């Protein structure tokens, strides 16, 4: 392997980390934002925004697990 290929490969983990971070923040921001809008429409205080953050974090965790967490057919 050429030195340039090895250097680029070492940054692959960094890209994966940023992709996971972006997915987590994006999920929480999107669902939290929808919860905020529902709170404003219904006149409640921090009920739906909290549920939105939790739902967004759970959904983003599931997406990250689907994309990066499953094994490559290791039998487990």
PDB file of N, CA and C in Angstrom:
ATOM      1  N   UNK A   1       0.850  -1.167   0.000  1.00  0.00           N
ATOM      2  CA  UNK A   1       0.000   0.000   0.000  1.00  0.00           C
ATOM      3  C   UNK A   1       0.899   1.234   0.000  1.00  0.00           C
ATOM      4  N   UNK A   2       0.588   2.171  -0.840  1.00  0.00           N
ATOM      5  CA  UNK A   2       1.363   3.405  -0.933  1.00  0.00           C
ATOM      6  C   UNK A   2       1.121   4.273   0.301  1.00  0.00           C
ATOM      7  N   UNK A   3       2.091   5.109   0.678  1.00  0.00           N
ATOM      8  CA  UNK A   3       1.902   5.963   1.864  1.00  0.00           C
ATOM      9  C   UNK A   3       0.669   6.864   1.758  1.00  0.00           C
ATOM     10  N   UNK A   4       0.378   7.336   0.544  1.00  0.00           N
ATOM     11  CA  UNK A   4      -0.789   8.209   0.379  1.00  0.00           C
ATOM     12  C   UNK A   4      -2.077   7.443   0.661  1.00  0.00           C
ATOM     13  N   UNK A   5      -2.200   6.210   0.189  1.00  0.00           N
ATOM     14  CA  UNK A   5      -3.382   5.390   0.431  1.00  0.00           C
ATOM     15  C   UNK A   5      -3.549   5.100   1.921  1.00  0.00           C
ATOM     16  N   UNK A   6      -2.451   4.840   2.591  1.00  0.00           N
ATOM     17  CA  UNK A   6      -2.509   4.546   4.015  1.00  0.00           C
ATOM     18  C   UNK A   6      -2.965   5.786   4.801  1.00  0.00           C
ATOM     19  N   UNK A   7      -2.502   6.952   4.426  1.00  0.00           N
ATOM     20  CA  UNK A   7      -2.909   8.179   5.109  1.00  0.00           C
ATOM     21  C   UNK A   7      -4.397   8.437   4.901  1.00  0.00           C
ATOM     22  N   UNK A   8      -4.895   8.254   3.693  1.00  0.00           N
ATOM     23  CA  UNK A   8      -6.312   8.465   3.421  1.00  0.00           C
ATOM     24  C   UNK A   8      -7.176   7.449   4.155  1.00  0.00           C
ATOM     25  N   UNK A   9      -6.691   6.227   4.290  1.00  0.00           N
ATOM     26  CA  UNK A   9      -7.442   5.199   4.976  1.00  0.00           C
ATOM     27  C   UNK A   9      -7.545   5.497   6.475  1.00  0.00           C
ATOM     28  N   UNK A  10      -6.534   6.109   7.027  1.00  0.00           N
ATOM     29  CA  UNK A  10      -6.563   6.415   8.457  1.00  0.00           C
ATOM     30  C   UNK A  10      -7.619   7.469   8.784  1.00  0.00           C
ATOM     31  N   UNK A  11      -7.998   8.292   7.831  1.00  0.00           N
ATOM     32  CA  UNK A  11      -9.031   9.298   8.052  1.00  0.00           C
ATOM     33  C   UNK A  11     -10.430   8.738   7.836  1.00  0.00           C
ATOM     34  N   UNK A  12     -10.558   7.498   7.389  1.00  0.00           N
ATOM     35  CA  UNK A  12     -11.871   6.887   7.168  1.00  0.00           C
ATOM     36  C   UNK A  12     -12.679   6.783   8.451  1.00  0.00           C
ATOM     37  N   UNK A  13     -12.008   6.490   9.549  1.00  0.00           N
ATOM     38  CA  UNK A  13     -12.695   6.418  10.834  1.00  0.00           C
ATOM     39  C   UNK A  13     -13.215   7.776  11.271  1.00  0.00           C
ATOM     40  N   UNK A  14     -12.469   8.821  10.948  1.00  0.00           N
ATOM     41  CA  UNK A  14     -12.906  10.179  11.287  1.00  0.00           C
ATOM     42  C   UNK A  14     -14.181  10.525  10.524  1.00  0.00           C
ATOM     43  N   UNK A  15     -14.252  10.155   9.256  1.00  0.00           N
ATOM     44  CA  UNK A  15     -15.449  10.424   8.455  1.00  0.00           C
ATOM     45  C   UNK A  15     -16.650   9.666   9.010  1.00  0.00           C
ATOM     46  N   UNK A  16     -16.441   8.434   9.437  1.00  0.00           N
ATOM     47  CA  UNK A  16     -17.527   7.655  10.017  1.00  0.00           C
ATOM     48  C   UNK A  16     -18.012   8.293  11.312  1.00  0.00           C
ATOM     49  N   UNK A  17     -17.093   8.757  12.120  1.00  0.00           N
ATOM     50  CA  UNK A  17     -17.464   9.419  13.364  1.00  0.00           C
ATOM     51  C   UNK A  17     -18.275  10.674  13.139  1.00  0.00           C
ATOM     52  N   UNK A  18     -17.870  11.466  12.154  1.00  0.00           N
ATOM     53  CA  UNK A  18     -18.627  12.689  11.851  1.00  0.00           C
ATOM     54  C   UNK A  18     -19.994  12.363  11.260  1.00  0.00           C
ATOM     55  N   UNK A  19     -20.082  11.302  10.472  1.00  0.00           N
ATOM     56  CA  UNK A  19     -21.370  10.902   9.917  1.00  0.00           C
ATOM     57  C   UNK A  19     -22.327  10.469  11.025  1.00  0.00           C
ATOM     58  N   UNK A  20     -21.822   9.723  11.990  1.00  0.00           N
ATOM     59  CA  UNK A  20     -22.650   9.297  13.120  1.00  0.00           C
ATOM     60  C   UNK A  20     -23.080  10.504  13.948  1.00  0.00           C
ATOM     61  N   UNK A  21     -22.139  11.413  14.206  1.00  0.00           N
ATOM     62  CA  UNK A  21     -22.461  12.614  14.973  1.00  0.00           C
ATOM     63  C   UNK A  21     -23.524  13.451  14.268  1.00  0.00           C
ATOM     64  N   UNK A  22     -23.382  13.623  12.972  1.00  0.00           N
ATOM     65  CA  UNK A  22     -24.361  14.384  12.213  1.00  0.00           C
ATOM     66  C   UNK A  22     -25.732  13.733  12.203  1.00  0.00           C
ATOM     67  N   UNK A  23     -25.760  12.419  12.119  1.00  0.00           N
ATOM     68  CA  UNK A  23     -27.036  11.699  12.143  1.00  0.00           C
ATOM     69  C   UNK A  23     -27.726  11.877  13.484  1.00  0.00           C
ATOM     70  N   UNK A  24     -26.965  11.770  14.568  1.00  0.00           N
ATOM     71  CA  UNK A  24     -27.542  11.920  15.901  1.00  0.00           C
ATOM     72  C   UNK A  24     -28.071  13.342  16.130  1.00  0.00           C
ATOM     73  N   UNK A  25     -27.262  14.338  15.788  1.00  0.00           N
ATOM     74  CA  UNK A  25     -27.686  15.724  15.986  1.00  0.00           C
ATOM     75  C   UNK A  25     -28.859  16.067  15.070  1.00  0.00           C
ATOM     76  N   UNK A  26     -28.800  15.596  13.838  1.00  0.00           N
ATOM     77  CA  UNK A  26     -29.887  15.864  12.896  1.00  0.00           C
ATOM     78  C   UNK A  26     -31.203  15.248  13.325  1.00  0.00           C
ATOM     79  N   UNK A  27     -31.167  14.032  13.810  1.00  0.00           N
ATOM     80  CA  UNK A  27     -32.392  13.382  14.277  1.00  0.00           C
ATOM     81  C   UNK A  27     -33.005  14.105  15.458  1.00  0.00           C
ATOM     82  N   UNK A  28     -32.151  14.474  16.423  1.00  0.00           N
ATOM     83  CA  UNK A  28     -32.658  15.189  17.596  1.00  0.00           C
ATOM     84  C   UNK A  28     -33.164  16.580  17.231  1.00  0.00           C
ATOM     85  N   UNK A  29     -32.475  17.252  16.312  1.00  0.00           N
ATOM     86  CA  UNK A  29     -32.896  18.600  15.916  1.00  0.00           C
ATOM     87  C   UNK A  29     -34.218  18.565  15.136  1.00  0.00           C
ATOM     88  N   UNK A  30     -34.346  17.607  14.234  1.00  0.00           N
ATOM     89  CA  UNK A  30     -35.566  17.527  13.426  1.00  0.00           C
ATOM     90  C   UNK A  30     -36.783  17.198  14.292  1.00  0.00           C
ATOM     91  N   UNK A  31     -36.690  16.149  15.090  1.00  0.00           N
ATOM     92  CA  UNK A  31     -37.835  15.756  15.911  1.00  0.00           C
ATOM     93  C   UNK A  31     -38.059  16.720  17.070  1.00  0.00           C
ATOM     94  N   UNK A  32     -36.981  17.286  17.608  1.00  0.00           N
ATOM     95  CA  UNK A  32     -37.136  18.308  18.635  1.00  0.00           C
ATOM     96  C   UNK A  32     -37.798  19.550  18.083  1.00  0.00           C
ATOM     97  N   UNK A  33     -37.451  19.915  16.850  1.00  0.00           N
ATOM     98  CA  UNK A  33     -38.085  21.064  16.207  1.00  0.00           C
ATOM     99  C   UNK A  33     -39.570  20.838  15.965  1.00  0.00           C
ATOM    100  N   UNK A  34     -39.929  19.637  15.546  1.00  0.00           N
ATOM    101  CA  UNK A  34     -41.350  19.325  15.380  1.00  0.00           C
ATOM    102  C   UNK A  34     -42.080  19.380  16.721  1.00  0.00           C
ATOM    103  N   UNK A  35     -41.423  18.890  17.761  1.00  0.00           N
ATOM    104  CA  UNK A  35     -42.016  18.968  19.094  1.00  0.00           C
ATOM    105  C   UNK A  35     -42.183  20.400  19.551  1.00  0.00           C
ATOM    106  N   UNK A  36     -41.201  21.240  19.244  1.00  0.00           N
ATOM    107  CA  UNK A  36     -41.295  22.664  19.593  1.00  0.00           C
ATOM    108  C   UNK A  36     -42.494  23.313  18.898  1.00  0.00           C
ATOM    109  N   UNK A  37     -42.661  23.000  17.619  1.00  0.00           N
ATOM    110  CA  UNK A  37     -43.800  23.558  16.883  1.00  0.00           C
ATOM    111  C   UNK A  37     -45.126  23.083  17.471  1.00  0.00           C
ATOM    112  N   UNK A  38     -45.203  21.815  17.853  1.00  0.00           N
ATOM    113  CA  UNK A  38     -46.425  21.311  18.479  1.00  0.00           C
ATOM    114  C   UNK A  38     -46.681  22.009  19.816  1.00  0.00           C
ATOM    115  N   UNK A  39     -45.618  22.214  20.599  1.00  0.00           N
ATOM    116  CA  UNK A  39     -45.777  22.938  21.860  1.00  0.00           C
ATOM    117  C   UNK A  39     -46.315  24.346  21.628  1.00  0.00           C
ATOM    118  N   UNK A  40     -45.804  25.015  20.612  1.00  0.00           N
ATOM    119  CA  UNK A  40     -46.272  26.373  20.309  1.00  0.00           C
ATOM    120  C   UNK A  40     -47.729  26.362  19.850  1.00  0.00           C
ATOM    121  N   UNK A  41     -48.095  25.397  19.011  1.00  0.00           N
ATOM    122  CA  UNK A  41     -49.468  25.318  18.505  1.00  0.00           C
ATOM    123  C   UNK A  41     -50.475  24.980  19.601  1.00  0.00           C
ATOM    124  N   UNK A  42     -50.108  24.058  20.480  1.00  0.00           N
ATOM    125  CA  UNK A  42     -51.038  23.580  21.492  1.00  0.00           C
ATOM    126  C   UNK A  42     -50.958  24.349  22.806  1.00  0.00           C
ATOM    127  N   UNK A  43     -49.959  25.207  22.947  1.00  0.00           N
ATOM    128  CA  UNK A  43     -49.831  26.005  24.154  1.00  0.00           C
ATOM    129  C   UNK A  43     -49.250  25.270  25.344  1.00  0.00           C
ATOM    130  N   UNK A  44     -48.631  24.135  25.112  1.00  0.00           N
ATOM    131  CA  UNK A  44     -48.000  23.393  26.207  1.00  0.00           C
ATOM    132  C   UNK A  44     -46.567  23.884  26.379  1.00  0.00           C
ATOM    133  N   UNK A  45     -45.962  23.507  27.490  1.00  0.00           N
ATOM    134  CA  UNK A  45     -44.597  23.947  27.745  1.00  0.00           C
ATOM    135  C   UNK A  45     -43.676  22.737  27.875  1.00  0.00           C
ATOM    136  N   UNK A  46     -42.824  22.563  26.919  1.00  0.00           N
ATOM    137  CA  UNK A  46     -41.742  21.584  26.928  1.00  0.00           C
ATOM    138  C   UNK A  46     -42.213  20.130  27.045  1.00  0.00           C
ATOM    139  N   UNK A  47     -43.405  19.843  26.598  1.00  0.00           N
ATOM    140  CA  UNK A  47     -43.890  18.464  26.628  1.00  0.00           C
ATOM    141  C   UNK A  47     -43.478  17.754  25.338  1.00  0.00           C
ATOM    142  N   UNK A  48     -43.862  18.316  24.223  1.00  0.00           N
ATOM    143  CA  UNK A  48     -43.598  17.674  22.948  1.00  0.00           C
ATOM    144  C   UNK A  48     -42.148  17.849  22.497  1.00  0.00           C
ATOM    145  N   UNK A  49     -41.507  18.936  22.908  1.00  0.00           N
ATOM    146  CA  UNK A  49     -40.109  19.113  22.533  1.00  0.00           C
ATOM    147  C   UNK A  49     -39.248  18.060  23.228  1.00  0.00           C
ATOM    148  N   UNK A  50     -39.568  17.756  24.471  1.00  0.00           N
ATOM    149  CA  UNK A  50     -38.833  16.712  25.190  1.00  0.00           C
ATOM    150  C   UNK A  50     -39.070  15.356  24.544  1.00  0.00           C
ATOM    151  N   UNK A  51     -40.333  15.065  24.242  1.00  0.00           N
ATOM    152  CA  UNK A  51     -40.649  13.800  23.570  1.00  0.00           C
ATOM    153  C   UNK A  51     -39.992  13.747  22.198  1.00  0.00           C
ATOM    154  N   UNK A  52     -39.913  14.879  21.511  1.00  0.00           N
ATOM    155  CA  UNK A  52     -39.273  14.931  20.199  1.00  0.00           C
ATOM    156  C   UNK A  52     -37.783  14.647  20.276  1.00  0.00           C
ATOM    157  N   UNK A  53     -37.110  15.207  21.281  1.00  0.00           N
ATOM    158  CA  UNK A  53     -35.686  14.926  21.454  1.00  0.00           C
ATOM    159  C   UNK A  53     -35.437  13.449  21.736  1.00  0.00           C
ATOM    160  N   UNK A  54     -36.263  12.881  22.601  1.00  0.00           N
ATOM    161  CA  UNK A  54     -36.095  11.459  22.941  1.00  0.00           C
ATOM    162  C   UNK A  54     -36.385  10.587  21.722  1.00  0.00           C
ATOM    163  N   UNK A  55     -37.459  10.885  21.017  1.00  0.00           N
ATOM    164  CA  UNK A  55     -37.806  10.120  19.817  1.00  0.00           C
ATOM    165  C   UNK A  55     -36.738  10.284  18.738  1.00  0.00           C
ATOM    166  N   UNK A  56     -36.226  11.496  18.572  1.00  0.00           N
ATOM    167  CA  UNK A  56     -35.172  11.734  17.588  1.00  0.00           C
ATOM    168  C   UNK A  56     -33.889  10.999  17.926  1.00  0.00           C
ATOM    169  N   UNK A  57     -33.524  10.978  19.203  1.00  0.00           N
ATOM    170  CA  UNK A  57     -32.314  10.258  19.618  1.00  0.00           C
ATOM    171  C   UNK A  57     -32.474   8.754  19.411  1.00  0.00           C
ATOM    172  N   UNK A  58     -33.653   8.240  19.744  1.00  0.00           N
ATOM    173  CA  UNK A  58     -33.899   6.806  19.560  1.00  0.00           C
ATOM    174  C   UNK A  58     -33.896   6.437  18.074  1.00  0.00           C
ATOM    175  N   UNK A  59     -34.551   7.242  17.272  1.00  0.00           N
ATOM    176  CA  UNK A  59     -34.570   6.966  15.831  1.00  0.00           C
ATOM    177  C   UNK A  59     -33.200   7.079  15.202  1.00  0.00           C
ATOM    178  N   UNK A  60     -32.434   8.081  15.604  1.00  0.00           N
ATOM    179  CA  UNK A  60     -31.089   8.251  15.060  1.00  0.00           C
ATOM    180  C   UNK A  60     -30.175   7.111  15.494  1.00  0.00           C
ATOM    181  N   UNK A  61     -30.337   6.649  16.734  1.00  0.00           N
ATOM    182  CA  UNK A  61     -29.543   5.506  17.206  1.00  0.00           C
ATOM    183  C   UNK A  61     -29.852   4.275  16.375  1.00  0.00           C
ATOM    184  N   UNK A  62     -31.120   4.068  16.065  1.00  0.00           N
ATOM    185  CA  UNK A  62     -31.504   2.930  15.236  1.00  0.00           C
ATOM    186  C   UNK A  62     -30.915   3.051  13.829  1.00  0.00           C
ATOM    187  N   UNK A  63     -30.943   4.237  13.255  1.00  0.00           N
ATOM    188  CA  UNK A  63     -30.374   4.436  11.920  1.00  0.00           C
ATOM    189  C   UNK A  63     -28.872   4.195  11.932  1.00  0.00           C
ATOM    190  N   UNK A  64     -28.190   4.680  12.967  1.00  0.00           N
ATOM    191  CA  UNK A  64     -26.747   4.456  13.081  1.00  0.00           C
ATOM    192  C   UNK A  64     -26.463   2.972  13.223  1.00  0.00           C
ATOM    193  N   UNK A  65     -27.270   2.278  14.012  1.00  0.00           N
ATOM    194  CA  UNK A  65     -27.068   0.834  14.167  1.00  0.00           C
ATOM    195  C   UNK A  65     -27.286   0.110  12.838  1.00  0.00           C
ATOM    196  N   UNK A  66     -28.306   0.511  12.090  1.00  0.00           N
ATOM    197  CA  UNK A  66     -28.546  -0.119  10.790  1.00  0.00           C
ATOM    198  C   UNK A  66     -27.378   0.114   9.833  1.00  0.00           C
ATOM    199  N   UNK A  67     -26.843   1.327   9.840  1.00  0.00           N
ATOM    200  CA  UNK A  67     -25.817   1.692   8.887  1.00  0.00           C
ATOM    201  C   UNK A  67     -24.427   1.181   9.280  1.00  0.00           C
ATOM    202  N   UNK A  68     -24.082   1.267  10.564  1.00  0.00           N
ATOM    203  CA  UNK A  68     -22.711   0.981  10.982  1.00  0.00           C
ATOM    204  C   UNK A  68     -22.576  -0.145  11.998  1.00  0.00           C
ATOM    205  N   UNK A  69     -23.641  -0.505  12.688  1.00  0.00           N
ATOM    206  CA  UNK A  69     -23.509  -1.404  13.822  1.00  0.00           C
ATOM    207  C   UNK A  69     -23.661  -2.866  13.528  1.00  0.00           C
ATOM    208  N   UNK A  70     -24.316  -3.200  12.455  1.00  0.00           N
ATOM    209  CA  UNK A  70     -24.510  -4.614  12.149  1.00  0.00           C
ATOM    210  C   UNK A  70     -23.217  -5.242  11.689  1.00  0.00           C
ATOM    211  N   UNK A  71     -23.028  -6.479  12.066  1.00  0.00           N
ATOM    212  CA  UNK A  71     -21.817  -7.201  11.660  1.00  0.00           C
ATOM    213  C   UNK A  71     -21.851  -7.558  10.189  1.00  0.00           C
ATOM    214  N   UNK A  72     -20.767  -8.035   9.718  1.00  0.00           N
ATOM    215  CA  UNK A  72     -20.624  -8.421   8.314  1.00  0.00           C
ATOM    216  C   UNK A  72     -20.869  -9.925   8.156  1.00  0.00           C
ATOM    217  N   UNK A  73     -21.937 -10.434   8.746  1.00  0.00           N
ATOM    218  CA  UNK A  73     -22.246 -11.849   8.617  1.00  0.00           C
ATOM    219  C   UNK A  73     -21.341 -12.717   9.451  1.00  0.00           C
ATOM    220  N   UNK A  74     -21.031 -12.284  10.675  1.00  0.00           N
ATOM    221  CA  UNK A  74     -20.116 -13.037  11.532  1.00  0.00           C
ATOM    222  C   UNK A  74     -20.816 -14.150  12.293  1.00  0.00           C
ATOM    223  N   UNK A  75     -22.114 -14.333  12.061  1.00  0.00           N
ATOM    224  CA  UNK A  75     -22.834 -15.445  12.680  1.00  0.00           C
ATOM    225  C   UNK A  75     -23.438 -15.109  14.031  1.00  0.00           C
ATOM    226  N   UNK A  76     -23.301 -13.887  14.484  1.00  0.00           N
ATOM    227  CA  UNK A  76     -23.883 -13.542  15.794  1.00  0.00           C
ATOM    228  C   UNK A  76     -25.039 -12.604  15.653  1.00  0.00           C
TER     229      UNK A  76
END
